[in-house]
Structure formats: structure tokens, C-alpha cells
Amino acid sequence: MTFVSLVAMGSSAHYLDGNCRSGYYVGVTYCRRSIFGIILGVISTVLSIYVAAMKIMTRRTFFVVEAAFSALLVVTWSFAVALLTAEAGPGHALGNLYYFTWASLIVSLLLCSSLYEEYRALKPSGAETASASNANRDIEVQHVHNLGDDI
């Protein structure tokens, strides 16, 4: 995620610098969308580095934080695809910004899919839940028998 976000951010910065700051007037919408691409690239890069550093330093997985960040990335990159690759956006022509905006959305969707599969693997199925409750009931009955007839 870090790599594709950095390329999208760099491409947006290139378009902002080349078209909006050099005196070549392309419109306010174009420049604002370029700035949006830069901001989103920075946020995505910081979030992905934060999650990676958190996993490396603590050796723990903060599933809820990672899931919230990935859901946020899916939503924001969906807007980015709509805004940056539209005809009035800086990524309307085929190039780095166009491809890496789509790549960022696809990578964030794959990340969400991976987290969903991890969640499903951690969540016990119905048969496991039923067997666990039967095991708990057997332990309670065995505990009562161990206490004797005083109960």
C-alpha cells in the first residue's frame, strides 16, 4: 500500500507543480483534485507505515485498528478514483496517476478482503460453538458431582 500511495502522491504533486503552479491555468477543480491526491497519498502512506511499524514493534495484531484503517482507505480511494480519473481531474489521461489511483483502490480492497478472511478464521463456527457449550455443560455437571450430595 505504501508504494502505490507514494506513486499516486508523487504523480499528483507533479501535475500540481506542472500545471497549477507554473502559470498554466487548467482550472480550480483540476488543482483542488491534485491537492486531494497529494493529501490522500500522504494519509495512506502514513497509515500503512503506522500499521506495519505497530506489527513489527509490538508483535501484536491490532485487528480493529487495522480494519478501521483499511475501511477508511477503501472509502477514500473510491472517491479518489472518481475525482482524480474523471475528465476534469489530473489523472484523466492514461499515466502513472491513473494507474496507481486504481492500483491503490485495488490494494485497499485486497487488504479489506484479507482482513475479512482473517476475521472469519478467528470467529468460531456454529458447530464449534455448540460443542464448546456442551463441553461447558459437562464440566458444570462434573463439578456438581465432585461437590457431592451437599448441594
N, C-alpha and C. Protein backbone atom coordinates (compact mmCIF):
# COMPACT_ATOMS: atom_id res chain seq x y z
N MET A 1 0.83 -1.19 0.00
CA MET A 1 0.00 0.00 0.00
C MET A 1 0.87 1.25 0.00
N THR A 2 1.98 1.16 0.71
CA THR A 2 2.86 2.32 0.81
C THR A 2 3.38 2.73 -0.56
N PHE A 3 3.83 1.75 -1.35
CA PHE A 3 4.41 2.05 -2.65
C PHE A 3 3.41 2.71 -3.60
N VAL A 4 2.23 2.11 -3.72
CA VAL A 4 1.25 2.67 -4.66
C VAL A 4 0.75 4.03 -4.20
N SER A 5 0.65 4.24 -2.89
CA SER A 5 0.25 5.55 -2.37
C SER A 5 1.31 6.61 -2.66
N LEU A 6 2.57 6.23 -2.51
CA LEU A 6 3.64 7.18 -2.79
C LEU A 6 3.69 7.57 -4.27
N VAL A 7 3.48 6.60 -5.15
CA VAL A 7 3.49 6.92 -6.58
C VAL A 7 2.30 7.82 -6.94
N ALA A 8 1.12 7.52 -6.39
CA ALA A 8 -0.05 8.36 -6.66
C ALA A 8 0.16 9.77 -6.11
N MET A 9 0.76 9.86 -4.92
CA MET A 9 1.04 11.17 -4.33
C MET A 9 2.06 11.94 -5.18
N GLY A 10 3.12 11.27 -5.61
CA GLY A 10 4.12 11.92 -6.43
C GLY A 10 3.58 12.38 -7.78
N SER A 11 2.71 11.57 -8.37
CA SER A 11 2.11 11.95 -9.65
C SER A 11 1.19 13.15 -9.48
N SER A 12 0.44 13.17 -8.39
CA SER A 12 -0.43 14.33 -8.12
C SER A 12 0.40 15.58 -7.90
N ALA A 13 1.51 15.44 -7.20
CA ALA A 13 2.39 16.59 -6.97
C ALA A 13 3.00 17.07 -8.28
N HIS A 14 3.33 16.15 -9.16
CA HIS A 14 3.87 16.52 -10.47
C HIS A 14 2.86 17.32 -11.27
N TYR A 15 1.61 16.85 -11.28
CA TYR A 15 0.56 17.58 -12.01
C TYR A 15 0.27 18.94 -11.38
N LEU A 16 0.28 19.00 -10.06
CA LEU A 16 0.06 20.27 -9.38
C LEU A 16 1.17 21.26 -9.72
N ASP A 17 2.39 20.81 -9.64
CA ASP A 17 3.52 21.69 -9.91
C ASP A 17 3.59 22.08 -11.38
N GLY A 18 3.35 21.14 -12.26
CA GLY A 18 3.49 21.42 -13.69
C GLY A 18 2.35 22.21 -14.29
N ASN A 19 1.15 22.06 -13.76
CA ASN A 19 0.00 22.70 -14.38
C ASN A 19 -0.60 23.83 -13.56
N CYS A 20 -0.56 23.74 -12.26
CA CYS A 20 -1.22 24.75 -11.43
C CYS A 20 -0.27 25.84 -10.96
N ARG A 21 0.97 25.49 -10.71
CA ARG A 21 1.91 26.45 -10.15
C ARG A 21 2.76 27.13 -11.21
N SER A 22 2.80 26.61 -12.40
CA SER A 22 3.68 27.18 -13.42
C SER A 22 3.03 28.30 -14.22
N GLY A 23 1.81 28.66 -13.87
CA GLY A 23 1.13 29.73 -14.57
C GLY A 23 0.21 29.23 -15.67
N TYR A 24 0.29 27.95 -15.96
CA TYR A 24 -0.60 27.37 -16.97
C TYR A 24 -1.95 27.11 -16.30
N TYR A 25 -2.97 27.84 -16.67
CA TYR A 25 -4.26 27.76 -16.00
C TYR A 25 -5.06 26.57 -16.52
N VAL A 26 -5.37 25.66 -15.63
CA VAL A 26 -6.16 24.48 -16.00
C VAL A 26 -7.49 24.44 -15.27
N GLY A 27 -7.72 25.34 -14.36
CA GLY A 27 -8.97 25.39 -13.63
C GLY A 27 -8.79 25.05 -12.16
N VAL A 28 -9.70 25.58 -11.38
CA VAL A 28 -9.65 25.39 -9.93
C VAL A 28 -9.92 23.93 -9.57
N THR A 29 -10.84 23.30 -10.26
CA THR A 29 -11.19 21.91 -9.97
C THR A 29 -9.98 21.00 -10.16
N TYR A 30 -9.26 21.19 -11.22
CA TYR A 30 -8.08 20.38 -11.53
C TYR A 30 -7.04 20.51 -10.41
N CYS A 31 -6.79 21.74 -9.98
CA CYS A 31 -5.79 21.98 -8.94
C CYS A 31 -6.23 21.43 -7.59
N ARG A 32 -7.50 21.60 -7.26
CA ARG A 32 -8.01 21.06 -5.98
C ARG A 32 -7.95 19.54 -5.96
N ARG A 33 -8.24 18.93 -7.08
CA ARG A 33 -8.17 17.46 -7.15
C ARG A 33 -6.73 16.98 -7.08
N SER A 34 -5.81 17.75 -7.60
CA SER A 34 -4.39 17.41 -7.47
C SER A 34 -3.97 17.46 -6.01
N ILE A 35 -4.41 18.48 -5.30
CA ILE A 35 -4.11 18.61 -3.87
C ILE A 35 -4.75 17.46 -3.09
N PHE A 36 -5.97 17.09 -3.46
CA PHE A 36 -6.64 15.94 -2.82
C PHE A 36 -5.81 14.67 -3.01
N GLY A 37 -5.27 14.47 -4.20
CA GLY A 37 -4.43 13.30 -4.46
C GLY A 37 -3.17 13.29 -3.61
N ILE A 38 -2.58 14.46 -3.42
CA ILE A 38 -1.38 14.56 -2.57
C ILE A 38 -1.72 14.25 -1.12
N ILE A 39 -2.79 14.85 -0.62
CA ILE A 39 -3.19 14.63 0.78
C ILE A 39 -3.55 13.18 1.02
N LEU A 40 -4.29 12.59 0.10
CA LEU A 40 -4.68 11.18 0.26
C LEU A 40 -3.46 10.27 0.19
N GLY A 41 -2.51 10.58 -0.67
CA GLY A 41 -1.28 9.79 -0.73
C GLY A 41 -0.50 9.85 0.56
N VAL A 42 -0.42 11.04 1.15
CA VAL A 42 0.29 11.20 2.42
C VAL A 42 -0.42 10.42 3.53
N ILE A 43 -1.74 10.57 3.61
CA ILE A 43 -2.50 9.87 4.66
C ILE A 43 -2.38 8.35 4.50
N SER A 44 -2.50 7.86 3.29
CA SER A 44 -2.40 6.41 3.06
C SER A 44 -1.02 5.89 3.40
N THR A 45 0.00 6.64 3.04
CA THR A 45 1.36 6.22 3.35
C THR A 45 1.60 6.20 4.85
N VAL A 46 1.16 7.23 5.54
CA VAL A 46 1.35 7.30 7.00
C VAL A 46 0.59 6.18 7.69
N LEU A 47 -0.65 5.93 7.28
CA LEU A 47 -1.43 4.85 7.92
C LEU A 47 -0.81 3.48 7.68
N SER A 48 -0.35 3.23 6.46
CA SER A 48 0.22 1.91 6.18
C SER A 48 1.55 1.72 6.89
N ILE A 49 2.36 2.77 6.99
CA ILE A 49 3.62 2.66 7.73
C ILE A 49 3.34 2.49 9.22
N TYR A 50 2.33 3.18 9.74
CA TYR A 50 1.96 3.05 11.15
C TYR A 50 1.55 1.63 11.49
N VAL A 51 0.70 1.02 10.65
CA VAL A 51 0.24 -0.34 10.93
C VAL A 51 1.41 -1.32 10.83
N ALA A 52 2.26 -1.15 9.83
CA ALA A 52 3.42 -2.03 9.68
C ALA A 52 4.37 -1.88 10.88
N ALA A 53 4.63 -0.66 11.30
CA ALA A 53 5.50 -0.43 12.45
C ALA A 53 4.89 -0.99 13.73
N MET A 54 3.58 -0.85 13.88
CA MET A 54 2.89 -1.38 15.05
C MET A 54 3.05 -2.89 15.12
N LYS A 55 2.93 -3.56 13.98
CA LYS A 55 3.07 -5.02 13.96
C LYS A 55 4.51 -5.45 14.23
N ILE A 56 5.46 -4.70 13.71
CA ILE A 56 6.86 -5.06 13.90
C ILE A 56 7.30 -4.80 15.34
N MET A 57 6.94 -3.66 15.88
CA MET A 57 7.43 -3.28 17.21
C MET A 57 6.74 -4.02 18.34
N THR A 58 5.45 -4.27 18.23
CA THR A 58 4.72 -4.87 19.34
C THR A 58 4.49 -6.36 19.17
N ARG A 59 4.69 -6.87 17.96
CA ARG A 59 4.44 -8.28 17.65
C ARG A 59 3.00 -8.69 17.94
N ARG A 60 2.13 -7.72 18.00
CA ARG A 60 0.71 -7.98 18.20
C ARG A 60 -0.05 -7.42 17.03
N THR A 61 -1.19 -7.99 16.78
CA THR A 61 -2.04 -7.50 15.72
C THR A 61 -3.20 -6.73 16.35
N PHE A 62 -3.32 -5.49 16.01
CA PHE A 62 -4.44 -4.67 16.46
C PHE A 62 -5.48 -4.72 15.36
N PHE A 63 -6.29 -5.76 15.41
CA PHE A 63 -7.20 -6.08 14.32
C PHE A 63 -8.21 -4.96 14.07
N VAL A 64 -8.76 -4.40 15.11
CA VAL A 64 -9.79 -3.37 14.95
C VAL A 64 -9.19 -2.11 14.32
N VAL A 65 -8.00 -1.74 14.75
CA VAL A 65 -7.34 -0.55 14.19
C VAL A 65 -7.02 -0.78 12.72
N GLU A 66 -6.48 -1.95 12.42
CA GLU A 66 -6.13 -2.26 11.03
C GLU A 66 -7.38 -2.32 10.15
N ALA A 67 -8.46 -2.89 10.68
CA ALA A 67 -9.72 -2.96 9.92
C ALA A 67 -10.31 -1.57 9.68
N ALA A 68 -10.25 -0.71 10.70
CA ALA A 68 -10.76 0.65 10.54
C ALA A 68 -9.94 1.43 9.51
N PHE A 69 -8.62 1.31 9.58
CA PHE A 69 -7.76 1.99 8.62
C PHE A 69 -8.01 1.49 7.20
N SER A 70 -8.16 0.18 7.04
CA SER A 70 -8.36 -0.35 5.69
C SER A 70 -9.73 0.04 5.14
N ALA A 71 -10.75 0.08 5.98
CA ALA A 71 -12.07 0.54 5.53
C ALA A 71 -12.01 2.02 5.12
N LEU A 72 -11.29 2.80 5.90
CA LEU A 72 -11.11 4.22 5.56
C LEU A 72 -10.39 4.37 4.23
N LEU A 73 -9.38 3.55 3.99
CA LEU A 73 -8.65 3.61 2.73
C LEU A 73 -9.52 3.21 1.55
N VAL A 74 -10.37 2.21 1.72
CA VAL A 74 -11.26 1.81 0.62
C VAL A 74 -12.21 2.95 0.26
N VAL A 75 -12.78 3.58 1.26
CA VAL A 75 -13.72 4.67 1.00
C VAL A 75 -13.01 5.85 0.34
N THR A 76 -11.87 6.25 0.88
CA THR A 76 -11.19 7.43 0.33
C THR A 76 -10.61 7.17 -1.06
N TRP A 77 -10.09 5.98 -1.30
CA TRP A 77 -9.57 5.69 -2.64
C TRP A 77 -10.69 5.51 -3.65
N SER A 78 -11.88 5.13 -3.19
CA SER A 78 -13.03 5.10 -4.09
C SER A 78 -13.37 6.51 -4.57
N PHE A 79 -13.36 7.45 -3.63
CA PHE A 79 -13.57 8.85 -4.02
C PHE A 79 -12.44 9.35 -4.91
N ALA A 80 -11.22 8.91 -4.61
CA ALA A 80 -10.08 9.35 -5.41
C ALA A 80 -10.19 8.87 -6.84
N VAL A 81 -10.63 7.63 -7.03
CA VAL A 81 -10.81 7.13 -8.40
C VAL A 81 -11.84 7.98 -9.12
N ALA A 82 -12.92 8.30 -8.43
CA ALA A 82 -13.97 9.10 -9.06
C ALA A 82 -13.50 10.51 -9.37
N LEU A 83 -12.75 11.13 -8.47
CA LEU A 83 -12.35 12.52 -8.65
C LEU A 83 -11.10 12.69 -9.50
N LEU A 84 -10.10 11.86 -9.27
CA LEU A 84 -8.82 12.06 -9.95
C LEU A 84 -8.83 11.57 -11.40
N THR A 85 -9.58 10.51 -11.67
CA THR A 85 -9.57 9.96 -13.03
C THR A 85 -10.73 10.46 -13.87
N ALA A 86 -11.55 11.34 -13.33
CA ALA A 86 -12.63 11.94 -14.12
C ALA A 86 -12.03 12.89 -15.16
N GLU A 87 -12.84 13.33 -16.08
CA GLU A 87 -12.33 14.18 -17.16
C GLU A 87 -11.75 15.50 -16.66
N ALA A 88 -12.28 16.03 -15.57
CA ALA A 88 -11.77 17.29 -15.03
C ALA A 88 -10.61 17.08 -14.05
N GLY A 89 -10.25 15.83 -13.79
CA GLY A 89 -9.19 15.54 -12.84
C GLY A 89 -7.83 15.40 -13.48
N PRO A 90 -6.80 15.42 -12.67
CA PRO A 90 -5.43 15.34 -13.21
C PRO A 90 -5.07 13.97 -13.77
N GLY A 91 -5.76 12.94 -13.38
CA GLY A 91 -5.44 11.60 -13.85
C GLY A 91 -6.34 11.12 -14.97
N HIS A 92 -6.95 12.03 -15.71
CA HIS A 92 -7.89 11.62 -16.75
C HIS A 92 -7.18 10.94 -17.91
N ALA A 93 -5.95 11.32 -18.19
CA ALA A 93 -5.19 10.66 -19.26
C ALA A 93 -4.47 9.45 -18.68
N LEU A 94 -4.24 8.46 -19.51
CA LEU A 94 -3.53 7.28 -19.04
C LEU A 94 -2.11 7.66 -18.66
N GLY A 95 -1.72 7.27 -17.48
CA GLY A 95 -0.40 7.59 -16.96
C GLY A 95 -0.27 7.06 -15.55
N ASN A 96 0.79 7.46 -14.87
CA ASN A 96 1.05 6.97 -13.52
C ASN A 96 -0.10 7.25 -12.56
N LEU A 97 -0.63 8.46 -12.60
CA LEU A 97 -1.70 8.81 -11.66
C LEU A 97 -2.94 7.96 -11.92
N TYR A 98 -3.29 7.78 -13.15
CA TYR A 98 -4.46 6.97 -13.49
C TYR A 98 -4.28 5.54 -12.99
N TYR A 99 -3.17 4.91 -13.36
CA TYR A 99 -2.96 3.51 -12.99
C TYR A 99 -2.78 3.31 -11.50
N PHE A 100 -2.04 4.19 -10.86
CA PHE A 100 -1.77 4.00 -9.44
C PHE A 100 -2.93 4.43 -8.56
N THR A 101 -3.82 5.27 -9.03
CA THR A 101 -5.04 5.53 -8.29
C THR A 101 -5.90 4.28 -8.27
N TRP A 102 -6.04 3.64 -9.43
CA TRP A 102 -6.78 2.37 -9.48
C TRP A 102 -6.06 1.29 -8.69
N ALA A 103 -4.74 1.25 -8.77
CA ALA A 103 -3.98 0.24 -8.01
C ALA A 103 -4.15 0.44 -6.51
N SER A 104 -4.19 1.67 -6.06
CA SER A 104 -4.41 1.94 -4.63
C SER A 104 -5.77 1.44 -4.17
N LEU A 105 -6.79 1.66 -5.00
CA LEU A 105 -8.11 1.16 -4.65
C LEU A 105 -8.11 -0.37 -4.61
N ILE A 106 -7.49 -0.99 -5.58
CA ILE A 106 -7.47 -2.46 -5.63
C ILE A 106 -6.68 -3.03 -4.46
N VAL A 107 -5.55 -2.43 -4.12
CA VAL A 107 -4.76 -2.91 -2.99
C VAL A 107 -5.54 -2.74 -1.68
N SER A 108 -6.22 -1.63 -1.52
CA SER A 108 -7.00 -1.43 -0.29
C SER A 108 -8.17 -2.41 -0.22
N LEU A 109 -8.78 -2.74 -1.36
CA LEU A 109 -9.83 -3.76 -1.37
C LEU A 109 -9.27 -5.14 -1.03
N LEU A 110 -8.09 -5.46 -1.55
CA LEU A 110 -7.46 -6.73 -1.21
C LEU A 110 -7.10 -6.80 0.27
N LEU A 111 -6.68 -5.68 0.82
CA LEU A 111 -6.38 -5.62 2.25
C LEU A 111 -7.63 -5.87 3.08
N CYS A 112 -8.74 -5.25 2.70
CA CYS A 112 -10.00 -5.49 3.41
C CYS A 112 -10.44 -6.94 3.27
N SER A 113 -10.28 -7.50 2.09
CA SER A 113 -10.64 -8.90 1.87
C SER A 113 -9.80 -9.82 2.74
N SER A 114 -8.52 -9.53 2.83
CA SER A 114 -7.63 -10.33 3.67
C SER A 114 -8.02 -10.23 5.14
N LEU A 115 -8.36 -9.04 5.58
CA LEU A 115 -8.78 -8.87 6.98
C LEU A 115 -10.10 -9.58 7.25
N TYR A 116 -11.00 -9.57 6.27
CA TYR A 116 -12.27 -10.27 6.45
C TYR A 116 -12.04 -11.78 6.56
N GLU A 117 -11.15 -12.31 5.74
CA GLU A 117 -10.83 -13.74 5.83
C GLU A 117 -10.17 -14.07 7.17
N GLU A 118 -9.32 -13.19 7.65
CA GLU A 118 -8.70 -13.38 8.95
C GLU A 118 -9.76 -13.36 10.06
N TYR A 119 -10.72 -12.46 9.94
CA TYR A 119 -11.80 -12.38 10.92
C TYR A 119 -12.63 -13.66 10.91
N ARG A 120 -12.94 -14.15 9.73
CA ARG A 120 -13.73 -15.38 9.63
C ARG A 120 -12.96 -16.57 10.19
N ALA A 121 -11.65 -16.58 10.05
CA ALA A 121 -10.85 -17.68 10.59
C ALA A 121 -10.81 -17.64 12.12
N LEU A 122 -10.87 -16.44 12.68
CA LEU A 122 -10.84 -16.31 14.14
C LEU A 122 -12.19 -16.57 14.79
N LYS A 123 -13.25 -16.30 14.07
CA LYS A 123 -14.60 -16.46 14.59
C LYS A 123 -14.98 -17.95 14.59
N PRO A 124 -15.43 -18.49 15.73
CA PRO A 124 -15.80 -19.90 15.75
C PRO A 124 -17.07 -20.16 14.96
N SER A 125 -17.12 -21.31 14.31
CA SER A 125 -18.31 -21.66 13.55
C SER A 125 -19.41 -22.13 14.48
N GLY A 126 -20.60 -22.37 13.95
CA GLY A 126 -21.74 -22.80 14.75
C GLY A 126 -21.51 -24.14 15.42
N ALA A 127 -20.87 -25.11 14.72
CA ALA A 127 -20.61 -26.42 15.30
C ALA A 127 -19.61 -26.32 16.44
N GLU A 128 -18.59 -25.47 16.29
CA GLU A 128 -17.61 -25.30 17.35
C GLU A 128 -18.25 -24.65 18.56
N THR A 129 -19.15 -23.71 18.34
CA THR A 129 -19.83 -23.05 19.45
C THR A 129 -20.71 -24.04 20.20
N ALA A 130 -21.43 -24.89 19.47
CA ALA A 130 -22.29 -25.88 20.11
C ALA A 130 -21.46 -26.88 20.90
N SER A 131 -20.35 -27.34 20.36
CA SER A 131 -19.52 -28.30 21.08
C SER A 131 -18.88 -27.65 22.30
N ALA A 132 -18.53 -26.38 22.21
CA ALA A 132 -17.96 -25.66 23.35
C ALA A 132 -19.00 -25.51 24.46
N SER A 133 -20.26 -25.23 24.10
CA SER A 133 -21.28 -25.09 25.13
C SER A 133 -21.59 -26.45 25.76
N ASN A 134 -21.56 -27.53 24.98
CA ASN A 134 -21.74 -28.87 25.55
C ASN A 134 -20.59 -29.22 26.48
N ALA A 135 -19.38 -28.85 26.13
CA ALA A 135 -18.23 -29.12 26.98
C ALA A 135 -18.36 -28.34 28.28
N ASN A 136 -18.83 -27.10 28.22
CA ASN A 136 -19.04 -26.31 29.44
C ASN A 136 -20.10 -26.93 30.32
N ARG A 137 -21.18 -27.45 29.72
CA ARG A 137 -22.24 -28.09 30.47
C ARG A 137 -21.71 -29.36 31.15
N ASP A 138 -20.88 -30.14 30.44
CA ASP A 138 -20.30 -31.35 31.02
C ASP A 138 -19.40 -31.02 32.19
N ILE A 139 -18.64 -29.92 32.08
CA ILE A 139 -17.77 -29.50 33.18
C ILE A 139 -18.60 -29.10 34.39
N GLU A 140 -19.71 -28.40 34.18
CA GLU A 140 -20.57 -27.99 35.29
C GLU A 140 -21.18 -29.20 35.97
N VAL A 141 -21.65 -30.16 35.20
CA VAL A 141 -22.24 -31.38 35.78
C VAL A 141 -21.17 -32.15 36.54
N GLN A 142 -19.98 -32.25 35.99
CA GLN A 142 -18.89 -32.95 36.66
C GLN A 142 -18.52 -32.23 37.94
N HIS A 143 -18.54 -30.89 37.93
CA HIS A 143 -18.23 -30.10 39.12
C HIS A 143 -19.27 -30.36 40.21
N VAL A 144 -20.53 -30.47 39.83
CA VAL A 144 -21.57 -30.76 40.82
C VAL A 144 -21.37 -32.14 41.42
N HIS A 145 -21.02 -33.11 40.59
CA HIS A 145 -20.78 -34.47 41.12
C HIS A 145 -19.57 -34.50 42.04
N ASN A 146 -18.56 -33.68 41.76
CA ASN A 146 -17.38 -33.63 42.61
C ASN A 146 -17.69 -33.00 43.96
N LEU A 147 -18.65 -32.10 44.00
CA LEU A 147 -19.00 -31.46 45.27
C LEU A 147 -19.74 -32.41 46.19
N GLY A 148 -20.38 -33.39 45.64
CA GLY A 148 -21.07 -34.37 46.46
C GLY A 148 -22.53 -34.04 46.65
N ASP A 149 -23.13 -34.68 47.64
CA ASP A 149 -24.55 -34.56 47.88
C ASP A 149 -24.92 -33.38 48.76
N ASP A 150 -23.96 -32.56 49.11
CA ASP A 150 -24.25 -31.43 49.98
C ASP A 150 -25.08 -30.36 49.27
N ILE A 151 -25.13 -30.41 48.00
CA ILE A 151 -25.83 -29.36 47.25
C ILE A 151 -27.28 -29.69 47.12
